Amino acid sequence: MSKVEEFLSKNDEEAIIEAIRKAEQNTSGEIRVHLEKTTGELDIFDRAMEVFHHLKMDNTKHENGVLIYVAVEDKNFVIYGDKGINDVVPDNFWESTKDAIVAEFKKGDFKQGLVNGILTAGQQLKKHFPWSADTRDELSNEISRG
């Protein structure tokens, strides 16, 4: 088994998907998690941007998709937000989400780090992109892999 397959158990994945559902109940924002072995030769931000576009996360109605990209063997991650988010939030907008993830990752609890990050991101998105009657789930909540 590869490190990507071992990174999360089936139960871990279910908890993360449930966290995405819960976070998206309060916002029109769309949150996804993508796991990959390594970024290869690319900078992690550049690779996250490629994955973001590959997953068609740039096609949401309000341009408010968020990708939590994890390069497992590189022991690195990045939070990538779409244009609609970046146009309206302060520069330090993602710091609390990053901090929530890092605190648990340092303990080796990757599931809880992602769950905490997802829920924090949902709270942050709710401030700028609240849920409304016309909100629909535009993207899959499943964890993707590369």
N, C-alpha and C. Protein backbone atom coordinates (compact mmCIF):
# COMPACT_ATOMS: atom_id res chain seq x y z
N MET A 1 0.83 -1.18 0.00
CA MET A 1 0.00 0.00 0.00
C MET A 1 0.88 1.25 0.00
N SER A 2 0.45 2.27 -0.72
CA SER A 2 1.21 3.52 -0.76
C SER A 2 0.90 4.37 0.46
N LYS A 3 1.72 5.36 0.68
CA LYS A 3 1.50 6.27 1.81
C LYS A 3 0.18 7.02 1.66
N VAL A 4 -0.22 7.30 0.43
CA VAL A 4 -1.49 8.00 0.21
C VAL A 4 -2.65 7.12 0.67
N GLU A 5 -2.61 5.83 0.33
CA GLU A 5 -3.68 4.92 0.74
C GLU A 5 -3.70 4.71 2.24
N GLU A 6 -2.55 4.78 2.88
CA GLU A 6 -2.45 4.57 4.32
C GLU A 6 -2.71 5.84 5.12
N PHE A 7 -2.73 6.97 4.48
CA PHE A 7 -2.84 8.26 5.15
C PHE A 7 -4.12 8.36 5.98
N LEU A 8 -5.22 7.87 5.43
CA LEU A 8 -6.51 7.91 6.11
C LEU A 8 -7.18 6.55 6.03
N SER A 9 -7.82 6.14 7.12
CA SER A 9 -8.61 4.91 7.10
C SER A 9 -9.97 5.21 6.46
N LYS A 10 -10.73 4.18 6.19
CA LYS A 10 -12.08 4.34 5.64
C LYS A 10 -12.94 5.17 6.60
N ASN A 11 -12.83 4.88 7.90
CA ASN A 11 -13.59 5.65 8.90
C ASN A 11 -13.14 7.11 8.93
N ASP A 12 -11.83 7.33 8.78
CA ASP A 12 -11.31 8.71 8.72
C ASP A 12 -11.93 9.45 7.54
N GLU A 13 -11.96 8.78 6.39
CA GLU A 13 -12.52 9.41 5.19
C GLU A 13 -13.98 9.75 5.38
N GLU A 14 -14.73 8.86 6.00
CA GLU A 14 -16.15 9.12 6.24
C GLU A 14 -16.34 10.31 7.16
N ALA A 15 -15.48 10.45 8.17
CA ALA A 15 -15.56 11.60 9.09
C ALA A 15 -15.24 12.90 8.36
N ILE A 16 -14.29 12.85 7.45
CA ILE A 16 -13.92 14.04 6.68
C ILE A 16 -15.05 14.44 5.73
N ILE A 17 -15.64 13.48 5.06
CA ILE A 17 -16.77 13.76 4.16
C ILE A 17 -17.94 14.34 4.94
N GLU A 18 -18.19 13.81 6.13
CA GLU A 18 -19.25 14.34 6.98
C GLU A 18 -18.94 15.78 7.41
N ALA A 19 -17.68 16.07 7.70
CA ALA A 19 -17.28 17.43 8.06
C ALA A 19 -17.52 18.39 6.89
N ILE A 20 -17.24 17.93 5.67
CA ILE A 20 -17.50 18.76 4.49
C ILE A 20 -19.00 19.05 4.38
N ARG A 21 -19.81 18.02 4.54
CA ARG A 21 -21.28 18.22 4.48
C ARG A 21 -21.73 19.23 5.54
N LYS A 22 -21.22 19.07 6.75
CA LYS A 22 -21.60 19.95 7.85
C LYS A 22 -21.15 21.39 7.56
N ALA A 23 -19.93 21.57 7.12
CA ALA A 23 -19.40 22.90 6.82
C ALA A 23 -20.19 23.57 5.71
N GLU A 24 -20.59 22.81 4.71
CA GLU A 24 -21.29 23.38 3.57
C GLU A 24 -22.77 23.65 3.84
N GLN A 25 -23.28 23.22 4.99
CA GLN A 25 -24.68 23.50 5.34
C GLN A 25 -24.90 24.98 5.60
N ASN A 26 -23.85 25.70 5.93
CA ASN A 26 -23.98 27.10 6.32
C ASN A 26 -23.43 28.08 5.30
N THR A 27 -22.97 27.58 4.16
CA THR A 27 -22.33 28.45 3.18
C THR A 27 -22.59 27.96 1.77
N SER A 28 -22.49 28.86 0.83
CA SER A 28 -22.54 28.45 -0.58
C SER A 28 -21.16 28.01 -1.05
N GLY A 29 -20.16 28.18 -0.20
CA GLY A 29 -18.79 27.75 -0.53
C GLY A 29 -18.71 26.25 -0.71
N GLU A 30 -17.74 25.84 -1.51
CA GLU A 30 -17.52 24.42 -1.80
C GLU A 30 -16.13 24.02 -1.32
N ILE A 31 -16.05 22.96 -0.51
CA ILE A 31 -14.79 22.51 0.06
C ILE A 31 -14.47 21.11 -0.44
N ARG A 32 -13.21 20.92 -0.86
CA ARG A 32 -12.75 19.59 -1.28
C ARG A 32 -11.40 19.31 -0.65
N VAL A 33 -11.10 18.02 -0.51
CA VAL A 33 -9.80 17.56 -0.04
C VAL A 33 -9.20 16.69 -1.12
N HIS A 34 -7.94 16.92 -1.43
CA HIS A 34 -7.22 16.12 -2.43
C HIS A 34 -5.92 15.63 -1.82
N LEU A 35 -5.67 14.33 -1.94
CA LEU A 35 -4.45 13.71 -1.44
C LEU A 35 -3.59 13.25 -2.61
N GLU A 36 -2.31 13.49 -2.49
CA GLU A 36 -1.36 13.06 -3.51
C GLU A 36 -0.06 12.65 -2.83
N LYS A 37 0.68 11.76 -3.47
CA LYS A 37 1.95 11.30 -2.92
C LYS A 37 2.93 12.46 -2.79
N THR A 38 3.09 13.23 -3.86
CA THR A 38 4.06 14.31 -3.89
C THR A 38 3.67 15.33 -4.95
N THR A 39 4.20 16.52 -4.83
CA THR A 39 3.94 17.55 -5.85
C THR A 39 4.86 17.36 -7.05
N GLY A 40 5.81 16.45 -6.93
CA GLY A 40 6.78 16.25 -8.00
C GLY A 40 7.72 17.43 -8.05
N GLU A 41 7.94 17.93 -9.23
CA GLU A 41 8.87 19.05 -9.43
C GLU A 41 8.23 20.41 -9.16
N LEU A 42 6.92 20.41 -9.00
CA LEU A 42 6.20 21.68 -8.86
C LEU A 42 6.20 22.20 -7.43
N ASP A 43 6.09 23.50 -7.31
CA ASP A 43 5.83 24.15 -6.04
C ASP A 43 4.45 23.70 -5.57
N ILE A 44 4.25 23.52 -4.27
CA ILE A 44 2.98 22.99 -3.77
C ILE A 44 1.80 23.88 -4.16
N PHE A 45 1.98 25.18 -4.14
CA PHE A 45 0.89 26.08 -4.51
C PHE A 45 0.53 25.91 -5.99
N ASP A 46 1.55 25.79 -6.84
CA ASP A 46 1.30 25.60 -8.27
C ASP A 46 0.59 24.28 -8.53
N ARG A 47 0.99 23.22 -7.82
CA ARG A 47 0.34 21.92 -8.01
C ARG A 47 -1.11 21.97 -7.51
N ALA A 48 -1.34 22.63 -6.38
CA ALA A 48 -2.70 22.76 -5.87
C ALA A 48 -3.58 23.50 -6.87
N MET A 49 -3.03 24.53 -7.50
CA MET A 49 -3.77 25.28 -8.51
C MET A 49 -4.12 24.37 -9.69
N GLU A 50 -3.19 23.54 -10.14
CA GLU A 50 -3.48 22.59 -11.23
C GLU A 50 -4.61 21.65 -10.85
N VAL A 51 -4.53 21.08 -9.65
CA VAL A 51 -5.56 20.14 -9.18
C VAL A 51 -6.90 20.86 -9.07
N PHE A 52 -6.88 22.07 -8.55
CA PHE A 52 -8.10 22.87 -8.41
C PHE A 52 -8.81 22.99 -9.75
N HIS A 53 -8.06 23.32 -10.79
CA HIS A 53 -8.65 23.46 -12.13
C HIS A 53 -9.05 22.10 -12.70
N HIS A 54 -8.24 21.08 -12.47
CA HIS A 54 -8.56 19.73 -12.97
C HIS A 54 -9.88 19.22 -12.37
N LEU A 55 -10.10 19.53 -11.10
CA LEU A 55 -11.34 19.10 -10.42
C LEU A 55 -12.52 20.02 -10.76
N LYS A 56 -12.28 21.00 -11.62
CA LYS A 56 -13.30 21.96 -12.06
C LYS A 56 -13.88 22.76 -10.89
N MET A 57 -13.04 23.01 -9.91
CA MET A 57 -13.47 23.80 -8.76
C MET A 57 -13.59 25.28 -9.10
N ASP A 58 -13.08 25.66 -10.24
CA ASP A 58 -13.17 27.05 -10.69
C ASP A 58 -14.47 27.31 -11.45
N ASN A 59 -15.37 26.35 -11.46
CA ASN A 59 -16.63 26.50 -12.18
C ASN A 59 -17.83 26.69 -11.25
N THR A 60 -17.61 27.10 -10.01
CA THR A 60 -18.74 27.31 -9.11
C THR A 60 -19.37 28.67 -9.38
N LYS A 61 -20.64 28.77 -9.07
CA LYS A 61 -21.43 29.98 -9.35
C LYS A 61 -20.81 31.24 -8.75
N HIS A 62 -20.33 31.14 -7.51
CA HIS A 62 -19.80 32.32 -6.81
C HIS A 62 -18.28 32.35 -6.74
N GLU A 63 -17.64 31.46 -7.50
CA GLU A 63 -16.17 31.36 -7.48
C GLU A 63 -15.66 31.25 -6.05
N ASN A 64 -16.29 30.33 -5.28
CA ASN A 64 -15.96 30.22 -3.86
C ASN A 64 -15.61 28.79 -3.45
N GLY A 65 -14.86 28.13 -4.31
CA GLY A 65 -14.36 26.80 -3.98
C GLY A 65 -13.08 26.88 -3.17
N VAL A 66 -12.89 25.90 -2.29
CA VAL A 66 -11.69 25.81 -1.47
C VAL A 66 -11.14 24.39 -1.57
N LEU A 67 -9.87 24.29 -1.92
CA LEU A 67 -9.21 22.99 -1.99
C LEU A 67 -8.17 22.90 -0.87
N ILE A 68 -8.29 21.83 -0.08
CA ILE A 68 -7.23 21.51 0.87
C ILE A 68 -6.42 20.40 0.20
N TYR A 69 -5.24 20.77 -0.27
CA TYR A 69 -4.37 19.88 -1.03
C TYR A 69 -3.27 19.37 -0.10
N VAL A 70 -3.12 18.04 -0.03
CA VAL A 70 -2.12 17.43 0.85
C VAL A 70 -1.17 16.58 0.01
N ALA A 71 0.12 16.89 0.08
CA ALA A 71 1.17 16.07 -0.54
C ALA A 71 1.74 15.21 0.59
N VAL A 72 1.29 13.96 0.66
CA VAL A 72 1.54 13.09 1.80
C VAL A 72 3.02 12.86 2.05
N GLU A 73 3.77 12.40 1.06
CA GLU A 73 5.19 12.11 1.27
C GLU A 73 6.02 13.37 1.46
N ASP A 74 5.55 14.48 0.90
CA ASP A 74 6.26 15.76 1.08
C ASP A 74 6.00 16.35 2.47
N LYS A 75 4.99 15.78 3.16
CA LYS A 75 4.57 16.28 4.47
C LYS A 75 4.27 17.78 4.40
N ASN A 76 3.40 18.12 3.44
CA ASN A 76 3.07 19.51 3.21
C ASN A 76 1.62 19.62 2.73
N PHE A 77 1.03 20.76 2.94
CA PHE A 77 -0.32 21.00 2.44
C PHE A 77 -0.49 22.48 2.15
N VAL A 78 -1.53 22.78 1.38
CA VAL A 78 -1.86 24.17 1.08
C VAL A 78 -3.38 24.27 0.98
N ILE A 79 -3.87 25.43 1.33
CA ILE A 79 -5.30 25.73 1.18
C ILE A 79 -5.40 26.70 0.01
N TYR A 80 -6.13 26.29 -1.01
CA TYR A 80 -6.25 27.10 -2.22
C TYR A 80 -7.69 27.55 -2.38
N GLY A 81 -7.91 28.86 -2.38
CA GLY A 81 -9.26 29.42 -2.53
C GLY A 81 -9.42 30.08 -3.88
N ASP A 82 -10.63 30.02 -4.40
CA ASP A 82 -10.93 30.59 -5.71
C ASP A 82 -11.01 32.12 -5.67
N LYS A 83 -11.08 32.71 -6.84
CA LYS A 83 -11.06 34.16 -7.03
C LYS A 83 -12.14 34.88 -6.23
N GLY A 84 -13.34 34.33 -6.21
CA GLY A 84 -14.43 34.99 -5.50
C GLY A 84 -14.14 35.17 -4.02
N ILE A 85 -13.45 34.23 -3.45
CA ILE A 85 -13.07 34.33 -2.03
C ILE A 85 -11.96 35.35 -1.88
N ASN A 86 -10.92 35.19 -2.67
CA ASN A 86 -9.76 36.07 -2.54
C ASN A 86 -10.07 37.54 -2.82
N ASP A 87 -11.12 37.79 -3.59
CA ASP A 87 -11.52 39.18 -3.88
C ASP A 87 -12.14 39.89 -2.68
N VAL A 88 -12.67 39.14 -1.71
CA VAL A 88 -13.43 39.79 -0.63
C VAL A 88 -12.88 39.58 0.78
N VAL A 89 -11.88 38.72 0.93
CA VAL A 89 -11.40 38.42 2.28
C VAL A 89 -10.07 39.11 2.57
N PRO A 90 -9.76 39.31 3.86
CA PRO A 90 -8.45 39.88 4.20
C PRO A 90 -7.32 38.90 3.92
N ASP A 91 -6.11 39.43 3.86
CA ASP A 91 -4.93 38.61 3.52
C ASP A 91 -4.73 37.43 4.46
N ASN A 92 -5.06 37.57 5.73
CA ASN A 92 -4.82 36.50 6.70
C ASN A 92 -6.03 35.57 6.86
N PHE A 93 -6.94 35.61 5.91
CA PHE A 93 -8.20 34.87 5.99
C PHE A 93 -8.01 33.39 6.30
N TRP A 94 -7.03 32.74 5.70
CA TRP A 94 -6.88 31.30 5.84
C TRP A 94 -5.97 30.88 7.00
N GLU A 95 -5.43 31.83 7.73
CA GLU A 95 -4.51 31.49 8.83
C GLU A 95 -5.17 30.60 9.88
N SER A 96 -6.40 30.91 10.28
CA SER A 96 -7.06 30.10 11.32
C SER A 96 -7.32 28.68 10.82
N THR A 97 -7.65 28.55 9.55
CA THR A 97 -7.86 27.22 8.98
C THR A 97 -6.54 26.45 8.95
N LYS A 98 -5.49 27.10 8.49
CA LYS A 98 -4.16 26.48 8.45
C LYS A 98 -3.73 26.06 9.85
N ASP A 99 -3.91 26.94 10.82
CA ASP A 99 -3.51 26.65 12.19
C ASP A 99 -4.28 25.45 12.76
N ALA A 100 -5.56 25.35 12.45
CA ALA A 100 -6.38 24.23 12.92
C ALA A 100 -5.85 22.90 12.37
N ILE A 101 -5.41 22.91 11.13
CA ILE A 101 -4.88 21.70 10.51
C ILE A 101 -3.51 21.36 11.09
N VAL A 102 -2.63 22.34 11.14
CA VAL A 102 -1.25 22.13 11.60
C VAL A 102 -1.22 21.58 13.03
N ALA A 103 -2.07 22.11 13.91
CA ALA A 103 -2.07 21.68 15.31
C ALA A 103 -2.26 20.16 15.42
N GLU A 104 -3.15 19.61 14.63
CA GLU A 104 -3.40 18.16 14.69
C GLU A 104 -2.39 17.37 13.87
N PHE A 105 -1.97 17.90 12.73
CA PHE A 105 -0.97 17.21 11.90
C PHE A 105 0.31 17.00 12.70
N LYS A 106 0.69 17.99 13.51
CA LYS A 106 1.91 17.86 14.32
C LYS A 106 1.82 16.69 15.29
N LYS A 107 0.60 16.35 15.71
CA LYS A 107 0.38 15.22 16.62
C LYS A 107 0.22 13.90 15.85
N GLY A 108 0.22 13.98 14.52
CA GLY A 108 0.03 12.79 13.70
C GLY A 108 -1.43 12.43 13.49
N ASP A 109 -2.34 13.30 13.91
CA ASP A 109 -3.78 13.05 13.76
C ASP A 109 -4.28 13.78 12.51
N PHE A 110 -4.07 13.13 11.37
CA PHE A 110 -4.37 13.75 10.08
C PHE A 110 -5.87 13.91 9.86
N LYS A 111 -6.64 12.91 10.28
CA LYS A 111 -8.10 13.01 10.14
C LYS A 111 -8.62 14.21 10.90
N GLN A 112 -8.23 14.34 12.17
CA GLN A 112 -8.76 15.44 12.98
C GLN A 112 -8.27 16.78 12.46
N GLY A 113 -7.05 16.83 11.96
CA GLY A 113 -6.55 18.07 11.36
C GLY A 113 -7.41 18.51 10.20
N LEU A 114 -7.73 17.56 9.32
CA LEU A 114 -8.57 17.90 8.16
C LEU A 114 -9.99 18.26 8.59
N VAL A 115 -10.56 17.50 9.53
CA VAL A 115 -11.91 17.81 10.03
C VAL A 115 -11.94 19.21 10.62
N ASN A 116 -10.97 19.52 11.50
CA ASN A 116 -10.94 20.84 12.12
C ASN A 116 -10.76 21.94 11.08
N GLY A 117 -9.88 21.71 10.10
CA GLY A 117 -9.67 22.68 9.04
C GLY A 117 -10.91 22.91 8.21
N ILE A 118 -11.59 21.84 7.86
CA ILE A 118 -12.82 21.94 7.06
C ILE A 118 -13.89 22.73 7.81
N LEU A 119 -14.09 22.41 9.08
CA LEU A 119 -15.11 23.11 9.87
C LEU A 119 -14.74 24.58 10.06
N THR A 120 -13.48 24.87 10.27
CA THR A 120 -13.02 26.25 10.38
C THR A 120 -13.23 26.99 9.07
N ALA A 121 -12.88 26.36 7.97
CA ALA A 121 -13.09 26.97 6.64
C ALA A 121 -14.57 27.26 6.43
N GLY A 122 -15.42 26.33 6.81
CA GLY A 122 -16.87 26.54 6.67
C GLY A 122 -17.34 27.75 7.44
N GLN A 123 -16.83 27.92 8.67
CA GLN A 123 -17.20 29.09 9.47
C GLN A 123 -16.71 30.38 8.82
N GLN A 124 -15.50 30.34 8.29
CA GLN A 124 -14.94 31.53 7.63
C GLN A 124 -15.75 31.87 6.36
N LEU A 125 -16.07 30.84 5.57
CA LEU A 125 -16.83 31.06 4.33
C LEU A 125 -18.23 31.60 4.61
N LYS A 126 -18.82 31.13 5.69
CA LYS A 126 -20.18 31.55 6.05
C LYS A 126 -20.28 33.07 6.19
N LYS A 127 -19.22 33.71 6.66
CA LYS A 127 -19.22 35.16 6.86
C LYS A 127 -19.36 35.91 5.54
N HIS A 128 -18.77 35.38 4.49
CA HIS A 128 -18.75 36.07 3.20
C HIS A 128 -19.68 35.44 2.16
N PHE A 129 -19.97 34.16 2.34
CA PHE A 129 -20.80 33.41 1.39
C PHE A 129 -21.84 32.59 2.15
N PRO A 130 -22.80 33.25 2.80
CA PRO A 130 -23.79 32.50 3.58
C PRO A 130 -24.68 31.62 2.69
N TRP A 131 -25.19 30.58 3.30
CA TRP A 131 -26.13 29.69 2.61
C TRP A 131 -27.39 30.48 2.32
N SER A 132 -28.01 30.21 1.17
CA SER A 132 -29.30 30.83 0.83
C SER A 132 -30.18 29.77 0.18
N ALA A 133 -31.41 30.12 -0.06
CA ALA A 133 -32.38 29.17 -0.61
C ALA A 133 -31.96 28.63 -1.98
N ASP A 134 -31.20 29.40 -2.74
CA ASP A 134 -30.79 28.94 -4.07
C ASP A 134 -29.43 28.21 -4.05
N THR A 135 -28.88 28.00 -2.87
CA THR A 135 -27.59 27.30 -2.76
C THR A 135 -27.79 25.82 -3.07
N ARG A 136 -26.88 25.30 -3.90
CA ARG A 136 -26.89 23.86 -4.17
C ARG A 136 -25.46 23.35 -4.10
N ASP A 137 -25.32 22.08 -3.79
CA ASP A 137 -24.00 21.47 -3.69
C ASP A 137 -23.49 21.25 -5.12
N GLU A 138 -22.49 22.04 -5.51
CA GLU A 138 -22.02 22.03 -6.89
C GLU A 138 -20.90 21.02 -7.14
N LEU A 139 -20.19 20.62 -6.07
CA LEU A 139 -19.04 19.73 -6.24
C LEU A 139 -19.16 18.52 -5.32
N SER A 140 -18.52 17.45 -5.72
CA SER A 140 -18.49 16.24 -4.91
C SER A 140 -17.82 16.51 -3.57
N ASN A 141 -18.28 15.84 -2.54
CA ASN A 141 -17.66 15.94 -1.21
C ASN A 141 -16.62 14.84 -1.00
N GLU A 142 -16.50 13.92 -1.95
CA GLU A 142 -15.55 12.83 -1.84
C GLU A 142 -14.12 13.33 -1.86
N ILE A 143 -13.25 12.60 -1.18
CA ILE A 143 -11.83 12.91 -1.19
C ILE A 143 -11.26 12.43 -2.54
N SER A 144 -10.55 13.30 -3.22
CA SER A 144 -9.95 12.90 -4.49
C SER A 144 -8.47 12.57 -4.27
N ARG A 145 -7.92 11.81 -5.20
CA ARG A 145 -6.51 11.40 -5.11
C ARG A 145 -5.85 11.56 -6.45
N GLY A 146 -4.55 11.83 -6.38
CA GLY A 146 -3.81 11.98 -7.63
C GLY A 146 -2.65 11.04 -7.71
